[in-house]
Amino acid sequence: MKPVFLSLFAGLILLYFVNAALKISVFSWEMLIHSAIRFMVGFIVLGIGYFYGHKLNLKIAIGIVLILLIVDDIMDYARDVTRLSAELLLYNLYMLLWGSLTGYLFMRSYKGKVTDL
């Protein structure tokens, strides 16, 4: 579990710098939910489903990710919560990559502990 905690800690530090560089305020409920959706989609679909488990084909994994993210963006646009910009796209990409790395490391350490028992 040490790599997972290291990934989470390093990701939080990098998230601080990304937020400062892109001038994105993440301390509103809408942005916290928005960020959590991106992180969990990367964690589950990409990190666990594709990179670790190889249960999904890359085209299917990317399709699932795109569908989930486009639906979330449409819902945000309909509620007039966030606007689509280049900064927000970079932020979304960072959250997806961080989630997928953490998901991969989590499953690798989890499977390692289960097989050691």
N, C-alpha and C. Protein backbone atom coordinates (compact mmCIF):
# COMPACT_ATOMS: atom_id res chain seq x y z
N MET A 1 0.81 -1.20 0.00
CA MET A 1 0.00 0.00 0.00
C MET A 1 0.86 1.27 0.00
N LYS A 2 2.14 1.09 0.21
CA LYS A 2 3.02 2.26 0.24
C LYS A 2 3.01 3.03 -1.09
N PRO A 3 3.06 2.35 -2.24
CA PRO A 3 3.00 3.10 -3.51
C PRO A 3 1.68 3.85 -3.70
N VAL A 4 0.60 3.30 -3.17
CA VAL A 4 -0.70 3.97 -3.30
C VAL A 4 -0.70 5.27 -2.51
N PHE A 5 -0.23 5.21 -1.27
CA PHE A 5 -0.18 6.42 -0.46
C PHE A 5 0.80 7.44 -1.03
N LEU A 6 1.90 6.96 -1.58
CA LEU A 6 2.85 7.87 -2.21
C LEU A 6 2.22 8.54 -3.43
N SER A 7 1.47 7.77 -4.21
CA SER A 7 0.79 8.32 -5.38
C SER A 7 -0.26 9.36 -4.97
N LEU A 8 -1.02 9.05 -3.93
CA LEU A 8 -2.03 10.00 -3.45
C LEU A 8 -1.39 11.28 -2.91
N PHE A 9 -0.32 11.13 -2.14
CA PHE A 9 0.35 12.29 -1.56
C PHE A 9 0.99 13.16 -2.64
N ALA A 10 1.72 12.52 -3.56
CA ALA A 10 2.35 13.28 -4.65
C ALA A 10 1.30 13.91 -5.55
N GLY A 11 0.19 13.20 -5.76
CA GLY A 11 -0.89 13.74 -6.58
C GLY A 11 -1.54 14.95 -5.96
N LEU A 12 -1.70 14.94 -4.63
CA LEU A 12 -2.27 16.10 -3.95
C LEU A 12 -1.35 17.30 -4.02
N ILE A 13 -0.05 17.06 -3.90
CA ILE A 13 0.91 18.17 -4.02
C ILE A 13 0.89 18.74 -5.44
N LEU A 14 0.89 17.85 -6.43
CA LEU A 14 0.82 18.33 -7.81
C LEU A 14 -0.51 18.99 -8.11
N LEU A 15 -1.59 18.51 -7.48
CA LEU A 15 -2.90 19.13 -7.67
C LEU A 15 -2.90 20.57 -7.17
N TYR A 16 -2.20 20.83 -6.07
CA TYR A 16 -2.09 22.19 -5.56
C TYR A 16 -1.43 23.10 -6.59
N PHE A 17 -0.34 22.62 -7.19
CA PHE A 17 0.37 23.43 -8.18
C PHE A 17 -0.42 23.58 -9.47
N VAL A 18 -1.13 22.54 -9.87
CA VAL A 18 -1.98 22.63 -11.06
C VAL A 18 -3.08 23.65 -10.84
N ASN A 19 -3.71 23.61 -9.66
CA ASN A 19 -4.76 24.58 -9.35
C ASN A 19 -4.22 26.00 -9.31
N ALA A 20 -3.02 26.17 -8.76
CA ALA A 20 -2.43 27.51 -8.71
C ALA A 20 -2.06 28.00 -10.10
N ALA A 21 -1.53 27.12 -10.93
CA ALA A 21 -1.12 27.53 -12.28
C ALA A 21 -2.31 27.84 -13.17
N LEU A 22 -3.36 27.04 -13.05
CA LEU A 22 -4.52 27.23 -13.92
C LEU A 22 -5.58 28.14 -13.32
N LYS A 23 -5.35 28.57 -12.07
CA LYS A 23 -6.27 29.46 -11.36
C LYS A 23 -7.69 28.87 -11.29
N ILE A 24 -7.74 27.59 -10.88
CA ILE A 24 -9.02 26.89 -10.73
C ILE A 24 -9.30 26.75 -9.25
N SER A 25 -10.46 27.17 -8.84
CA SER A 25 -10.87 27.03 -7.44
C SER A 25 -11.61 25.71 -7.29
N VAL A 26 -11.04 24.81 -6.51
CA VAL A 26 -11.64 23.48 -6.36
C VAL A 26 -12.42 23.35 -5.06
N PHE A 27 -12.54 24.40 -4.30
CA PHE A 27 -13.18 24.29 -3.00
C PHE A 27 -14.66 24.67 -3.02
N SER A 28 -15.31 24.42 -4.13
CA SER A 28 -16.76 24.53 -4.18
C SER A 28 -17.30 23.11 -4.37
N TRP A 29 -18.54 22.91 -3.98
CA TRP A 29 -19.12 21.56 -4.07
C TRP A 29 -19.14 21.06 -5.50
N GLU A 30 -19.45 21.94 -6.43
CA GLU A 30 -19.53 21.52 -7.83
C GLU A 30 -18.17 21.06 -8.36
N MET A 31 -17.12 21.79 -8.04
CA MET A 31 -15.80 21.39 -8.53
C MET A 31 -15.28 20.16 -7.80
N LEU A 32 -15.62 20.01 -6.53
CA LEU A 32 -15.22 18.79 -5.81
C LEU A 32 -15.89 17.56 -6.42
N ILE A 33 -17.17 17.67 -6.74
CA ILE A 33 -17.88 16.56 -7.38
C ILE A 33 -17.31 16.32 -8.77
N HIS A 34 -17.07 17.39 -9.51
CA HIS A 34 -16.50 17.30 -10.86
C HIS A 34 -15.14 16.59 -10.81
N SER A 35 -14.30 16.96 -9.87
CA SER A 35 -12.98 16.35 -9.75
C SER A 35 -13.07 14.90 -9.30
N ALA A 36 -13.99 14.61 -8.39
CA ALA A 36 -14.15 13.24 -7.90
C ALA A 36 -14.63 12.31 -9.01
N ILE A 37 -15.52 12.80 -9.87
CA ILE A 37 -15.99 11.98 -11.00
C ILE A 37 -14.82 11.67 -11.92
N ARG A 38 -14.00 12.66 -12.23
CA ARG A 38 -12.85 12.43 -13.11
C ARG A 38 -11.87 11.44 -12.48
N PHE A 39 -11.58 11.62 -11.20
CA PHE A 39 -10.63 10.75 -10.53
C PHE A 39 -11.15 9.31 -10.49
N MET A 40 -12.42 9.13 -10.14
CA MET A 40 -12.97 7.78 -10.02
C MET A 40 -13.11 7.10 -11.37
N VAL A 41 -13.44 7.84 -12.42
CA VAL A 41 -13.49 7.25 -13.76
C VAL A 41 -12.10 6.76 -14.16
N GLY A 42 -11.09 7.58 -13.91
CA GLY A 42 -9.72 7.14 -14.19
C GLY A 42 -9.31 5.97 -13.33
N PHE A 43 -9.69 5.99 -12.06
CA PHE A 43 -9.33 4.94 -11.11
C PHE A 43 -9.95 3.60 -11.53
N ILE A 44 -11.25 3.60 -11.78
CA ILE A 44 -11.96 2.34 -12.04
C ILE A 44 -11.79 1.87 -13.48
N VAL A 45 -12.12 2.71 -14.43
CA VAL A 45 -12.14 2.27 -15.83
C VAL A 45 -10.73 2.09 -16.38
N LEU A 46 -9.90 3.11 -16.23
CA LEU A 46 -8.57 3.03 -16.82
C LEU A 46 -7.58 2.27 -15.93
N GLY A 47 -7.51 2.64 -14.66
CA GLY A 47 -6.52 2.04 -13.78
C GLY A 47 -6.75 0.58 -13.51
N ILE A 48 -7.98 0.22 -13.17
CA ILE A 48 -8.28 -1.16 -12.82
C ILE A 48 -8.68 -1.97 -14.06
N GLY A 49 -9.62 -1.44 -14.83
CA GLY A 49 -10.16 -2.20 -15.94
C GLY A 49 -9.20 -2.41 -17.09
N TYR A 50 -8.45 -1.38 -17.44
CA TYR A 50 -7.58 -1.51 -18.62
C TYR A 50 -6.13 -1.81 -18.23
N PHE A 51 -5.51 -0.93 -17.45
CA PHE A 51 -4.08 -1.07 -17.20
C PHE A 51 -3.75 -2.29 -16.35
N TYR A 52 -4.55 -2.59 -15.32
CA TYR A 52 -4.20 -3.72 -14.48
C TYR A 52 -4.87 -5.01 -14.92
N GLY A 53 -6.18 -4.99 -14.99
CA GLY A 53 -6.91 -6.22 -15.23
C GLY A 53 -6.93 -6.68 -16.67
N HIS A 54 -6.69 -5.78 -17.60
CA HIS A 54 -6.79 -6.06 -19.03
C HIS A 54 -8.14 -6.70 -19.37
N LYS A 55 -9.17 -6.30 -18.64
CA LYS A 55 -10.52 -6.80 -18.89
C LYS A 55 -11.19 -6.01 -20.01
N LEU A 56 -10.71 -4.81 -20.25
CA LEU A 56 -11.30 -3.95 -21.28
C LEU A 56 -10.30 -3.73 -22.40
N ASN A 57 -10.81 -3.66 -23.60
CA ASN A 57 -10.03 -3.25 -24.75
C ASN A 57 -9.78 -1.74 -24.63
N LEU A 58 -8.69 -1.25 -25.19
CA LEU A 58 -8.38 0.18 -25.08
C LEU A 58 -9.48 1.03 -25.72
N LYS A 59 -10.01 0.61 -26.86
CA LYS A 59 -11.07 1.38 -27.52
C LYS A 59 -12.32 1.42 -26.65
N ILE A 60 -12.65 0.32 -26.03
CA ILE A 60 -13.84 0.28 -25.17
C ILE A 60 -13.62 1.14 -23.93
N ALA A 61 -12.43 1.06 -23.33
CA ALA A 61 -12.14 1.85 -22.14
C ALA A 61 -12.20 3.34 -22.45
N ILE A 62 -11.61 3.75 -23.55
CA ILE A 62 -11.64 5.17 -23.93
C ILE A 62 -13.06 5.60 -24.26
N GLY A 63 -13.82 4.73 -24.90
CA GLY A 63 -15.23 5.03 -25.19
C GLY A 63 -16.05 5.23 -23.94
N ILE A 64 -15.86 4.35 -22.95
CA ILE A 64 -16.58 4.49 -21.68
C ILE A 64 -16.21 5.79 -21.00
N VAL A 65 -14.91 6.09 -20.97
CA VAL A 65 -14.45 7.33 -20.34
C VAL A 65 -15.04 8.55 -21.05
N LEU A 66 -14.99 8.56 -22.37
CA LEU A 66 -15.52 9.70 -23.11
C LEU A 66 -17.02 9.87 -22.89
N ILE A 67 -17.76 8.79 -22.90
CA ILE A 67 -19.21 8.88 -22.67
C ILE A 67 -19.50 9.44 -21.29
N LEU A 68 -18.83 8.92 -20.26
CA LEU A 68 -19.08 9.41 -18.90
C LEU A 68 -18.70 10.88 -18.75
N LEU A 69 -17.59 11.28 -19.33
CA LEU A 69 -17.14 12.66 -19.18
C LEU A 69 -17.97 13.63 -20.00
N ILE A 70 -18.39 13.22 -21.18
CA ILE A 70 -19.25 14.10 -21.99
C ILE A 70 -20.61 14.28 -21.33
N VAL A 71 -21.16 13.21 -20.77
CA VAL A 71 -22.44 13.33 -20.06
C VAL A 71 -22.30 14.26 -18.87
N ASP A 72 -21.19 14.15 -18.13
CA ASP A 72 -20.97 15.04 -16.99
C ASP A 72 -20.80 16.49 -17.45
N ASP A 73 -20.08 16.71 -18.54
CA ASP A 73 -19.92 18.08 -19.06
C ASP A 73 -21.24 18.66 -19.55
N ILE A 74 -22.07 17.85 -20.19
CA ILE A 74 -23.38 18.32 -20.64
C ILE A 74 -24.25 18.70 -19.45
N MET A 75 -24.21 17.87 -18.40
CA MET A 75 -25.00 18.19 -17.20
C MET A 75 -24.50 19.47 -16.54
N ASP A 76 -23.18 19.66 -16.49
CA ASP A 76 -22.63 20.89 -15.93
C ASP A 76 -23.00 22.10 -16.79
N TYR A 77 -22.95 21.94 -18.10
CA TYR A 77 -23.29 23.04 -19.00
C TYR A 77 -24.77 23.38 -18.89
N ALA A 78 -25.63 22.37 -18.77
CA ALA A 78 -27.07 22.61 -18.67
C ALA A 78 -27.42 23.34 -17.37
N ARG A 79 -26.68 23.04 -16.31
CA ARG A 79 -26.93 23.71 -15.03
C ARG A 79 -26.17 25.02 -14.91
N ASP A 80 -25.35 25.35 -15.93
CA ASP A 80 -24.55 26.57 -15.96
C ASP A 80 -23.59 26.63 -14.77
N VAL A 81 -22.93 25.51 -14.53
CA VAL A 81 -22.01 25.42 -13.40
C VAL A 81 -20.58 25.76 -13.82
N THR A 82 -20.09 25.08 -14.83
CA THR A 82 -18.73 25.33 -15.30
C THR A 82 -18.77 25.64 -16.79
N ARG A 83 -17.76 26.32 -17.23
CA ARG A 83 -17.63 26.59 -18.66
C ARG A 83 -16.46 25.77 -19.19
N LEU A 84 -16.56 25.36 -20.41
CA LEU A 84 -15.51 24.55 -21.01
C LEU A 84 -14.39 25.46 -21.49
N SER A 85 -13.19 25.21 -21.01
CA SER A 85 -12.03 26.00 -21.41
C SER A 85 -10.82 25.08 -21.50
N ALA A 86 -9.74 25.61 -22.05
CA ALA A 86 -8.52 24.82 -22.18
C ALA A 86 -7.95 24.46 -20.81
N GLU A 87 -8.06 25.39 -19.86
CA GLU A 87 -7.55 25.12 -18.52
C GLU A 87 -8.31 23.98 -17.87
N LEU A 88 -9.62 23.97 -18.04
CA LEU A 88 -10.44 22.92 -17.45
C LEU A 88 -10.16 21.57 -18.12
N LEU A 89 -9.88 21.57 -19.42
CA LEU A 89 -9.53 20.33 -20.10
C LEU A 89 -8.20 19.77 -19.59
N LEU A 90 -7.22 20.63 -19.35
CA LEU A 90 -5.95 20.18 -18.78
C LEU A 90 -6.14 19.64 -17.37
N TYR A 91 -6.98 20.31 -16.60
CA TYR A 91 -7.28 19.86 -15.24
C TYR A 91 -7.97 18.49 -15.27
N ASN A 92 -8.92 18.31 -16.18
CA ASN A 92 -9.61 17.03 -16.31
C ASN A 92 -8.65 15.92 -16.70
N LEU A 93 -7.73 16.21 -17.61
CA LEU A 93 -6.74 15.23 -18.02
C LEU A 93 -5.85 14.84 -16.85
N TYR A 94 -5.44 15.82 -16.04
CA TYR A 94 -4.63 15.52 -14.87
C TYR A 94 -5.38 14.61 -13.90
N MET A 95 -6.64 14.91 -13.64
CA MET A 95 -7.42 14.09 -12.71
C MET A 95 -7.58 12.66 -13.23
N LEU A 96 -7.80 12.50 -14.54
CA LEU A 96 -7.91 11.16 -15.12
C LEU A 96 -6.61 10.39 -14.99
N LEU A 97 -5.49 11.03 -15.31
CA LEU A 97 -4.20 10.35 -15.24
C LEU A 97 -3.84 9.99 -13.80
N TRP A 98 -4.10 10.88 -12.88
CA TRP A 98 -3.82 10.62 -11.48
C TRP A 98 -4.69 9.47 -10.97
N GLY A 99 -5.95 9.46 -11.34
CA GLY A 99 -6.84 8.38 -10.93
C GLY A 99 -6.44 7.05 -11.52
N SER A 100 -6.02 7.04 -12.78
CA SER A 100 -5.63 5.77 -13.40
C SER A 100 -4.34 5.22 -12.80
N LEU A 101 -3.39 6.09 -12.50
CA LEU A 101 -2.15 5.64 -11.85
C LEU A 101 -2.44 5.09 -10.47
N THR A 102 -3.25 5.78 -9.71
CA THR A 102 -3.59 5.32 -8.36
C THR A 102 -4.37 4.01 -8.41
N GLY A 103 -5.29 3.87 -9.36
CA GLY A 103 -6.04 2.62 -9.50
C GLY A 103 -5.14 1.45 -9.85
N TYR A 104 -4.20 1.67 -10.75
CA TYR A 104 -3.26 0.62 -11.11
C TYR A 104 -2.41 0.21 -9.92
N LEU A 105 -1.87 1.18 -9.20
CA LEU A 105 -1.03 0.87 -8.04
C LEU A 105 -1.84 0.20 -6.93
N PHE A 106 -3.08 0.62 -6.75
CA PHE A 106 -3.93 0.01 -5.73
C PHE A 106 -4.17 -1.47 -6.04
N MET A 107 -4.53 -1.78 -7.27
CA MET A 107 -4.80 -3.17 -7.62
C MET A 107 -3.53 -4.01 -7.58
N ARG A 108 -2.42 -3.44 -7.97
CA ARG A 108 -1.16 -4.19 -7.92
C ARG A 108 -0.78 -4.53 -6.49
N SER A 109 -0.93 -3.58 -5.57
CA SER A 109 -0.60 -3.86 -4.18
C SER A 109 -1.66 -4.74 -3.52
N TYR A 110 -2.93 -4.58 -3.90
CA TYR A 110 -4.00 -5.41 -3.33
C TYR A 110 -3.84 -6.86 -3.76
N LYS A 111 -3.58 -7.10 -5.03
CA LYS A 111 -3.39 -8.47 -5.52
C LYS A 111 -2.12 -9.08 -4.94
N GLY A 112 -1.10 -8.28 -4.72
CA GLY A 112 0.12 -8.79 -4.12
C GLY A 112 -0.10 -9.25 -2.70
N LYS A 113 -0.92 -8.53 -1.94
CA LYS A 113 -1.20 -8.92 -0.56
C LYS A 113 -2.11 -10.14 -0.50
N VAL A 114 -3.04 -10.26 -1.43
CA VAL A 114 -3.96 -11.40 -1.43
C VAL A 114 -3.21 -12.68 -1.79
N THR A 115 -2.30 -12.61 -2.75
CA THR A 115 -1.57 -13.81 -3.14
C THR A 115 -0.50 -14.19 -2.13
N ASP A 116 -0.05 -13.25 -1.30
CA ASP A 116 0.94 -13.56 -0.27
C ASP A 116 0.34 -14.31 0.90
N LEU A 117 -0.98 -14.20 1.10
CA LEU A 117 -1.62 -14.89 2.22
C LEU A 117 -1.68 -16.33 1.93
